[in-house]
Amino acid sequence: MTKAGEQDALSAAAAKAFAASFGAVIKLAPEDGAPLWVDGRKTPPAVSAKAPKGVEASCLWRGRREALTRAMASARSLESAYVAGRIAVAGDMSVMARLKLEEGR
């Protein structure tokens, strides 16, 4: 898959997973590419290649692009990826408690 295709897959996974607002901004930072921002202050949350103006991300998710994409498949996938160390989460952990990921499977 091309870098553009990989970016599209991550964007699509984020748009599908974050269907409900959560009152914060998350930065998805794949090790092998450009970051994405999920603005959960909006309904539905907005996924963008640019940071929202005037707002820092409350939470940062880091890992391989594939791991980030798979982590958004379901709440259980996110928990599994985090516990296994495939993704790292930093910042305001209360954001994580407010997330309600849509089941992608």
C-alpha atoms as a PDB file:
ATOM      1  CA  MET A   1       0.000   0.000   0.000  1.00  0.00           C
ATOM      2  CA  THR A   2       1.273   3.493  -0.767  1.00  0.00           C
ATOM      3  CA  LYS A   3       1.884   6.113   1.902  1.00  0.00           C
ATOM      4  CA  ALA A   4      -1.240   7.963   0.706  1.00  0.00           C
ATOM      5  CA  GLY A   5      -3.225   4.726   0.912  1.00  0.00           C
ATOM      6  CA  GLU A   6      -1.891   4.077   4.402  1.00  0.00           C
ATOM      7  CA  GLN A   7      -2.846   7.600   5.465  1.00  0.00           C
ATOM      8  CA  ASP A   8      -6.303   7.106   3.987  1.00  0.00           C
ATOM      9  CA  ALA A   9      -6.700   3.812   5.883  1.00  0.00           C
ATOM     10  CA  LEU A  10      -5.753   5.496   9.170  1.00  0.00           C
ATOM     11  CA  SER A  11      -8.093   8.437   8.453  1.00  0.00           C
ATOM     12  CA  ALA A  12     -10.933   6.077   7.537  1.00  0.00           C
ATOM     13  CA  ALA A  13     -10.402   3.989  10.663  1.00  0.00           C
ATOM     14  CA  ALA A  14     -10.408   7.116  12.836  1.00  0.00           C
ATOM     15  CA  ALA A  15     -13.534   8.540  11.185  1.00  0.00           C
ATOM     16  CA  LYS A  16     -15.356   5.248  11.737  1.00  0.00           C
ATOM     17  CA  ALA A  17     -14.100   4.616  15.282  1.00  0.00           C
ATOM     18  CA  PHE A  18     -14.656   8.088  16.701  1.00  0.00           C
ATOM     19  CA  ALA A  19     -18.349   8.458  15.943  1.00  0.00           C
ATOM     20  CA  ALA A  20     -19.285  10.119  19.260  1.00  0.00           C
ATOM     21  CA  SER A  21     -17.886  13.348  20.696  1.00  0.00           C
ATOM     22  CA  PHE A  22     -15.551  13.079  23.699  1.00  0.00           C
ATOM     23  CA  GLY A  23     -14.745  16.705  24.476  1.00  0.00           C
ATOM     24  CA  ALA A  24     -11.029  16.751  23.627  1.00  0.00           C
ATOM     25  CA  VAL A  25      -8.452  16.512  20.837  1.00  0.00           C
ATOM     26  CA  ILE A  26      -6.386  13.364  20.220  1.00  0.00           C
ATOM     27  CA  LYS A  27      -3.230  13.366  18.100  1.00  0.00           C
ATOM     28  CA  LEU A  28      -2.537  10.085  16.295  1.00  0.00           C
ATOM     29  CA  ALA A  29       1.218   9.960  15.622  1.00  0.00           C
ATOM     30  CA  PRO A  30       2.299   7.001  13.503  1.00  0.00           C
ATOM     31  CA  GLU A  31       6.023   6.281  13.674  1.00  0.00           C
ATOM     32  CA  ASP A  32       6.222   6.130   9.897  1.00  0.00           C
ATOM     33  CA  GLY A  33       4.296   9.139   8.720  1.00  0.00           C
ATOM     34  CA  ALA A  34       2.370  12.311   9.234  1.00  0.00           C
ATOM     35  CA  PRO A  35       0.095  12.689  12.264  1.00  0.00           C
ATOM     36  CA  LEU A  36      -3.685  13.041  12.304  1.00  0.00           C
ATOM     37  CA  TRP A  37      -5.833  14.951  14.761  1.00  0.00           C
ATOM     38  CA  VAL A  38      -9.243  13.858  15.975  1.00  0.00           C
ATOM     39  CA  ASP A  39     -11.271  16.799  17.303  1.00  0.00           C
ATOM     40  CA  GLY A  40     -13.761  15.186  19.649  1.00  0.00           C
ATOM     41  CA  ARG A  41     -15.240  18.517  20.672  1.00  0.00           C
ATOM     42  CA  LYS A  42     -17.384  18.295  17.539  1.00  0.00           C
ATOM     43  CA  THR A  43     -20.295  16.002  16.725  1.00  0.00           C
ATOM     44  CA  PRO A  44     -19.307  13.897  14.917  1.00  0.00           C
ATOM     45  CA  PRO A  45     -15.597  14.242  15.684  1.00  0.00           C
ATOM     46  CA  ALA A  46     -13.504  15.739  12.878  1.00  0.00           C
ATOM     47  CA  VAL A  47     -10.435  13.895  11.559  1.00  0.00           C
ATOM     48  CA  SER A  48      -7.817  16.154   9.993  1.00  0.00           C
ATOM     49  CA  ALA A  49      -4.216  16.181   8.810  1.00  0.00           C
ATOM     50  CA  LYS A  50      -3.895  19.621  10.447  1.00  0.00           C
ATOM     51  CA  ALA A  51      -4.046  20.477  14.137  1.00  0.00           C
ATOM     52  CA  PRO A  52      -7.102  22.460  15.241  1.00  0.00           C
ATOM     53  CA  LYS A  53      -6.195  26.137  15.573  1.00  0.00           C
ATOM     54  CA  GLY A  54      -5.397  27.328  19.072  1.00  0.00           C
ATOM     55  CA  VAL A  55      -5.789  23.945  20.760  1.00  0.00           C
ATOM     56  CA  GLU A  56      -3.171  21.458  21.906  1.00  0.00           C
ATOM     57  CA  ALA A  57      -3.933  17.744  21.775  1.00  0.00           C
ATOM     58  CA  SER A  58      -5.098  16.467  25.161  1.00  0.00           C
ATOM     59  CA  CYS A  59      -3.945  12.954  24.380  1.00  0.00           C
ATOM     60  CA  LEU A  60      -1.272  11.481  22.106  1.00  0.00           C
ATOM     61  CA  TRP A  61      -1.366   7.988  20.614  1.00  0.00           C
ATOM     62  CA  ARG A  62       1.935   6.730  19.155  1.00  0.00           C
ATOM     63  CA  GLY A  63       2.808   3.504  17.353  1.00  0.00           C
ATOM     64  CA  ARG A  64       3.154   1.892  13.972  1.00  0.00           C
ATOM     65  CA  ARG A  65       0.494   3.045  11.518  1.00  0.00           C
ATOM     66  CA  GLU A  66      -0.879  -0.492  11.234  1.00  0.00           C
ATOM     67  CA  ALA A  67      -1.114  -0.823  15.036  1.00  0.00           C
ATOM     68  CA  LEU A  68      -2.969   2.496  15.335  1.00  0.00           C
ATOM     69  CA  THR A  69      -5.355   1.526  12.531  1.00  0.00           C
ATOM     70  CA  ARG A  70      -6.088  -1.874  14.092  1.00  0.00           C
ATOM     71  CA  ALA A  71      -6.465  -0.386  17.592  1.00  0.00           C
ATOM     72  CA  MET A  72      -9.449   1.621  16.392  1.00  0.00           C
ATOM     73  CA  ALA A  73     -11.355  -1.491  15.278  1.00  0.00           C
ATOM     74  CA  SER A  74     -13.025  -1.818  18.700  1.00  0.00           C
ATOM     75  CA  ALA A  75     -12.634  -0.880  22.358  1.00  0.00           C
ATOM     76  CA  ARG A  76     -11.177  -4.323  22.997  1.00  0.00           C
ATOM     77  CA  SER A  77      -8.646  -3.877  20.167  1.00  0.00           C
ATOM     78  CA  LEU A  78      -7.549  -0.554  21.681  1.00  0.00           C
ATOM     79  CA  GLU A  79      -7.113  -2.102  25.125  1.00  0.00           C
ATOM     80  CA  SER A  80      -5.201  -5.050  23.687  1.00  0.00           C
ATOM     81  CA  ALA A  81      -2.852  -2.820  21.643  1.00  0.00           C
ATOM     82  CA  TYR A  82      -2.165  -0.608  24.669  1.00  0.00           C
ATOM     83  CA  VAL A  83      -1.551  -3.467  27.109  1.00  0.00           C
ATOM     84  CA  ALA A  84       0.671  -5.297  24.601  1.00  0.00           C
ATOM     85  CA  GLY A  85       2.735  -2.145  24.033  1.00  0.00           C
ATOM     86  CA  ARG A  86       1.892  -1.851  20.333  1.00  0.00           C
ATOM     87  CA  ILE A  87       0.662   1.683  20.948  1.00  0.00           C
ATOM     88  CA  ALA A  88       1.631   4.207  23.614  1.00  0.00           C
ATOM     89  CA  VAL A  89      -0.804   6.708  25.063  1.00  0.00           C
ATOM     90  CA  ALA A  90       0.325   9.921  26.743  1.00  0.00           C
ATOM     91  CA  GLY A  91      -1.423  12.958  28.132  1.00  0.00           C
ATOM     92  CA  ASP A  92      -4.813  13.346  29.771  1.00  0.00           C
ATOM     93  CA  MET A  93      -5.950   9.802  30.511  1.00  0.00           C
ATOM     94  CA  SER A  94      -9.460  11.015  31.405  1.00  0.00           C
ATOM     95  CA  VAL A  95      -9.951  11.411  27.639  1.00  0.00           C
ATOM     96  CA  MET A  96      -9.502   7.655  27.305  1.00  0.00           C
ATOM     97  CA  ALA A  97     -12.267   7.081  29.861  1.00  0.00           C
ATOM     98  CA  ARG A  98     -14.688   9.225  27.810  1.00  0.00           C
ATOM     99  CA  LEU A  99     -14.099   7.388  24.522  1.00  0.00           C
ATOM    100  CA  LYS A 100     -16.847   5.245  23.075  1.00  0.00           C
ATOM    101  CA  LEU A 101     -15.339   3.601  20.020  1.00  0.00           C
ATOM    102  CA  GLU A 102     -17.700   2.244  17.403  1.00  0.00           C
ATOM    103  CA  GLU A 103     -17.241  -1.441  16.733  1.00  0.00           C
ATOM    104  CA  GLY A 104     -15.542  -1.792  13.357  1.00  0.00           C
ATOM    105  CA  ARG A 105     -15.765  -5.546  13.044  1.00  0.00           C
END
